[in-house]
């Protein structure tokens, strides 16, 4: 069984925040793949389904970001899962908006949700880092992540979330390359390079100028020609 965790804050107030992109990713997976309705359990909202023979639980902690590890730890203990059965989707300041990277283990880089998970289950879980960009000033980070995505971001955000949903079965199967390819096909689809060649200009060869006509034959006598010269 795999446990897919999306990080965010509960409640309509935070639903469209940059910090909630992990919740958004799980919502797309659940809706697109026919998972069971969300229900409350493990201090979280959960939804269950399958990709082939693999059972999958989606989990959105309802403890607020800083305590996300409580819900993840409780679910892991009940389901008897190891940290490498867990994949966490979270916002990433150090990636440009719309970029995605996979990471296994490592530090939390100051992300409060990951910090809490580290405290409860250790660091050896997988992450899907979802780029939201950086405000440029570390003092502005808190306000930045707790603001809604602007309308200008709607297109790339929708492409990214659809790509994650497309690739989720590959992610669960442990095929990170195919997962990332599925995302790339949504975010940067191949352009159709085959275009009809431009029509060749067809120009008719220029009509040849008619050859000059031969001068009419001079039938005058030499005496007449001489006389005509002095007229």
Protein backbone atom coordinates (compact mmCIF):
# COMPACT_ATOMS: atom_id res chain seq x y z
CA UNK A 1 0.00 0.00 0.00
CA UNK A 2 1.11 3.55 -0.73
CA UNK A 3 0.27 6.63 1.32
CA UNK A 4 0.18 9.84 -0.72
CA UNK A 5 0.22 12.91 1.50
CA UNK A 6 -0.66 16.42 0.37
CA UNK A 7 0.40 19.33 2.55
CA UNK A 8 -1.72 22.40 3.18
CA UNK A 9 -3.94 24.12 5.71
CA UNK A 10 -7.58 23.12 6.29
CA UNK A 11 -10.55 25.37 5.56
CA UNK A 12 -11.92 27.44 2.70
CA UNK A 13 -9.81 30.44 3.77
CA UNK A 14 -6.64 28.66 2.71
CA UNK A 15 -7.95 26.49 -0.13
CA UNK A 16 -6.35 28.48 -3.00
CA UNK A 17 -3.15 29.46 -1.16
CA UNK A 18 0.22 28.63 -2.69
CA UNK A 19 0.94 26.66 0.50
CA UNK A 20 -2.00 24.35 -0.35
CA UNK A 21 -0.76 23.06 -3.70
CA UNK A 22 -0.23 19.65 -2.08
CA UNK A 23 -3.95 19.45 -1.21
CA UNK A 24 -4.79 20.53 -4.76
CA UNK A 25 -2.68 17.74 -6.26
CA UNK A 26 -4.47 15.07 -4.20
CA UNK A 27 -7.88 16.52 -5.04
CA UNK A 28 -7.12 16.09 -8.77
CA UNK A 29 -5.91 12.51 -8.30
CA UNK A 30 -9.01 11.56 -6.31
CA UNK A 31 -11.42 13.14 -8.80
CA UNK A 32 -9.74 11.84 -11.96
CA UNK A 33 -9.22 8.25 -10.81
CA UNK A 34 -12.53 7.54 -9.12
CA UNK A 35 -11.29 7.36 -5.54
CA UNK A 36 -13.77 7.06 -2.65
CA UNK A 37 -15.32 10.24 -1.20
CA UNK A 38 -13.19 12.09 1.33
CA UNK A 39 -13.80 11.26 4.99
CA UNK A 40 -12.31 12.22 8.34
CA UNK A 41 -9.73 9.86 9.86
CA UNK A 42 -6.23 10.03 11.39
CA UNK A 43 -6.63 13.80 12.08
CA UNK A 44 -6.94 14.15 8.33
CA UNK A 45 -9.18 13.85 5.31
CA UNK A 46 -8.57 10.56 3.51
CA UNK A 47 -9.68 9.00 0.24
CA UNK A 48 -8.91 5.44 -0.86
CA UNK A 49 -8.58 3.81 -4.24
CA UNK A 50 -6.40 1.61 -6.42
CA UNK A 51 -3.99 1.85 -9.28
CA UNK A 52 -4.12 -1.65 -10.71
CA UNK A 53 -3.48 -4.05 -7.84
CA UNK A 54 -1.86 -1.37 -5.64
CA UNK A 55 -3.98 0.05 -2.83
CA UNK A 56 -3.52 3.77 -2.33
CA UNK A 57 -4.61 6.12 0.43
CA UNK A 58 -4.63 9.87 -0.11
CA UNK A 59 -4.21 11.91 3.06
CA UNK A 60 -4.66 15.65 3.68
CA UNK A 61 -3.71 16.52 7.30
CA UNK A 62 -6.26 18.73 9.05
CA UNK A 63 -3.86 19.71 11.85
CA UNK A 64 -2.55 22.82 10.07
CA UNK A 65 0.81 22.77 8.30
CA UNK A 66 3.09 22.96 11.35
CA UNK A 67 1.62 19.74 12.82
CA UNK A 68 1.26 17.72 9.61
CA UNK A 69 3.45 14.92 10.97
CA UNK A 70 0.87 13.98 13.60
CA UNK A 71 -1.63 12.82 10.97
CA UNK A 72 1.01 11.15 8.81
CA UNK A 73 2.50 9.26 11.77
CA UNK A 74 -0.91 8.09 13.01
CA UNK A 75 -1.91 6.78 9.58
CA UNK A 76 1.45 5.04 9.08
CA UNK A 77 1.27 3.27 12.41
CA UNK A 78 -2.29 2.05 11.82
CA UNK A 79 -1.54 0.87 8.27
CA UNK A 80 1.82 -0.61 9.32
CA UNK A 81 3.69 1.27 6.63
CA UNK A 82 7.37 2.15 6.39
CA UNK A 83 8.62 5.65 5.52
CA UNK A 84 9.48 4.55 1.97
CA UNK A 85 5.77 3.77 1.43
CA UNK A 86 5.02 7.48 1.85
CA UNK A 87 5.08 10.19 -0.85
CA UNK A 88 4.55 13.81 0.22
CA UNK A 89 3.39 16.54 -2.20
CA UNK A 90 4.43 20.01 -1.05
CA UNK A 91 5.08 23.56 -2.23
CA UNK A 92 8.68 24.42 -3.06
CA UNK A 93 9.99 28.00 -2.95
CA UNK A 94 13.29 27.06 -4.58
CA UNK A 95 11.69 25.89 -7.83
CA UNK A 96 10.22 28.16 -10.49
CA UNK A 97 6.42 28.16 -10.77
CA UNK A 98 5.19 25.05 -12.61
CA UNK A 99 8.41 23.07 -12.13
CA UNK A 100 8.36 19.68 -10.42
CA UNK A 101 11.12 17.56 -8.91
CA UNK A 102 11.22 14.21 -7.12
CA UNK A 103 13.33 13.73 -4.04
CA UNK A 104 13.92 10.79 -1.73
CA UNK A 105 15.04 11.50 1.83
CA UNK A 106 17.14 14.49 2.81
CA UNK A 107 16.45 17.61 4.85
CA UNK A 108 13.30 19.68 5.20
CA UNK A 109 14.91 22.99 4.04
CA UNK A 110 12.89 24.94 6.60
CA UNK A 111 9.48 23.80 5.32
CA UNK A 112 7.32 23.56 8.43
CA UNK A 113 5.16 20.72 7.13
CA UNK A 114 8.19 18.62 6.25
CA UNK A 115 9.86 19.53 9.54
CA UNK A 116 6.87 18.11 11.41
CA UNK A 117 6.86 14.92 9.32
CA UNK A 118 10.58 14.48 9.99
CA UNK A 119 9.85 14.64 13.71
CA UNK A 120 7.22 11.88 13.50
CA UNK A 121 8.49 9.42 10.89
CA UNK A 122 12.07 10.41 10.09
CA UNK A 123 13.46 11.68 6.79
CA UNK A 124 13.39 8.56 4.59
CA UNK A 125 10.20 9.26 2.68
CA UNK A 126 9.72 10.44 -0.89
CA UNK A 127 8.68 13.96 -1.87
CA UNK A 128 7.15 15.60 -4.92
CA UNK A 129 8.41 19.18 -4.84
CA UNK A 130 5.98 21.55 -6.57
CA UNK A 131 7.52 24.86 -7.62
CA UNK A 132 5.71 28.05 -6.61
CA UNK A 133 8.62 30.47 -7.00
CA UNK A 134 10.17 32.76 -4.39
CA UNK A 135 9.08 36.31 -3.51
CA UNK A 136 12.71 37.43 -3.60
CA UNK A 137 12.95 38.40 0.05
CA UNK A 138 12.98 35.85 2.87
CA UNK A 139 11.02 38.25 5.08
CA UNK A 140 8.16 38.11 2.56
CA UNK A 141 7.93 34.30 2.43
CA UNK A 142 5.20 33.83 5.06
CA UNK A 143 2.84 36.26 3.38
CA UNK A 144 3.68 34.90 -0.06
CA UNK A 145 2.86 31.26 0.62
CA UNK A 146 -0.36 32.18 2.45
CA UNK A 147 -1.71 34.21 -0.48
CA UNK A 148 -3.88 32.74 -3.21
CA UNK A 149 -2.44 31.89 -6.60
CA UNK A 150 -3.11 34.90 -8.86
CA UNK A 151 -5.29 34.49 -11.93
CA UNK A 152 -2.20 34.80 -14.11
CA UNK A 153 -0.98 31.45 -12.69
CA UNK A 154 -4.20 29.57 -13.45
CA UNK A 155 -3.06 28.04 -16.74
CA UNK A 156 0.27 26.59 -15.64
CA UNK A 157 -1.22 25.47 -12.32
CA UNK A 158 -4.01 23.56 -14.06
CA UNK A 159 -1.52 21.94 -16.45
CA UNK A 160 0.74 20.91 -13.58
CA UNK A 161 -2.09 19.39 -11.52
CA UNK A 162 -3.50 17.51 -14.50
CA UNK A 163 -0.04 16.16 -15.28
CA UNK A 164 0.39 14.95 -11.71
CA UNK A 165 -2.95 13.15 -11.93
CA UNK A 166 -2.01 11.61 -15.30
CA UNK A 167 1.27 10.32 -13.91
CA UNK A 168 0.08 9.20 -10.46
CA UNK A 169 -0.16 5.49 -11.40
CA UNK A 170 3.50 5.55 -12.51
CA UNK A 171 4.55 7.33 -9.31
CA UNK A 172 2.83 4.69 -7.18
CA UNK A 173 4.48 1.95 -9.25
CA UNK A 174 7.89 3.48 -8.50
CA UNK A 175 8.54 4.72 -12.04
CA UNK A 176 9.60 8.30 -11.43
CA UNK A 177 10.71 8.87 -15.02
CA UNK A 178 7.33 8.01 -16.51
CA UNK A 179 5.63 10.11 -13.84
CA UNK A 180 7.73 13.13 -14.75
CA UNK A 181 7.17 12.51 -18.47
CA UNK A 182 3.41 12.56 -17.90
CA UNK A 183 3.72 15.91 -16.16
CA UNK A 184 5.96 17.28 -18.91
CA UNK A 185 3.41 16.34 -21.58
CA UNK A 186 0.89 18.61 -19.84
CA UNK A 187 3.19 21.44 -18.84
CA UNK A 188 5.25 21.59 -22.05
CA UNK A 189 3.41 19.59 -24.73
CA UNK A 190 5.30 18.78 -27.89
CA UNK A 191 4.58 21.23 -30.61
CA UNK A 192 3.52 19.83 -33.98
CA UNK A 193 6.48 20.72 -36.11
CA UNK A 194 5.10 19.24 -39.34
CA UNK A 195 3.63 22.07 -41.26
CA UNK A 196 2.51 22.14 -44.84
CA UNK A 197 5.37 23.45 -46.95
CA UNK A 198 4.66 26.85 -48.41
CA UNK A 199 3.20 26.70 -51.88
CA UNK A 200 5.85 27.23 -54.49
CA UNK A 201 5.26 30.31 -56.56
CA UNK A 202 4.63 29.25 -60.11
CA UNK A 203 5.67 31.87 -62.61
CA UNK A 204 5.10 31.46 -66.29
CA UNK A 205 8.21 32.12 -68.33
CA UNK A 206 8.16 35.57 -69.78
CA UNK A 207 6.82 35.63 -73.32
CA UNK A 208 9.56 36.15 -75.83
CA UNK A 209 9.47 39.41 -77.68
CA UNK A 210 8.58 38.82 -81.32
CA UNK A 211 11.54 38.81 -83.61
CA UNK A 212 11.85 42.06 -85.57
CA UNK A 213 10.30 41.84 -89.03
CA UNK A 214 12.57 41.89 -92.02
CA UNK A 215 12.59 45.33 -93.74
CA UNK A 216 10.54 45.39 -96.92
CA UNK A 217 12.50 44.80 -100.09
CA UNK A 218 13.62 48.09 -101.79
CA UNK A 219 12.51 47.88 -105.39
CA UNK A 220 13.58 51.40 -106.40
CA UNK A 221 16.10 51.89 -109.14
CA UNK A 222 19.49 53.45 -108.26
CA UNK A 223 18.44 56.68 -109.93
CA UNK A 224 15.22 56.86 -107.88
CA UNK A 225 17.10 56.19 -104.63
CA UNK A 226 19.56 58.99 -105.44
CA UNK A 227 16.77 61.39 -106.27
CA UNK A 228 14.91 60.54 -103.01
CA UNK A 229 17.93 61.49 -100.98
CA UNK A 230 17.74 65.10 -102.18
CA UNK A 231 14.00 65.57 -101.62
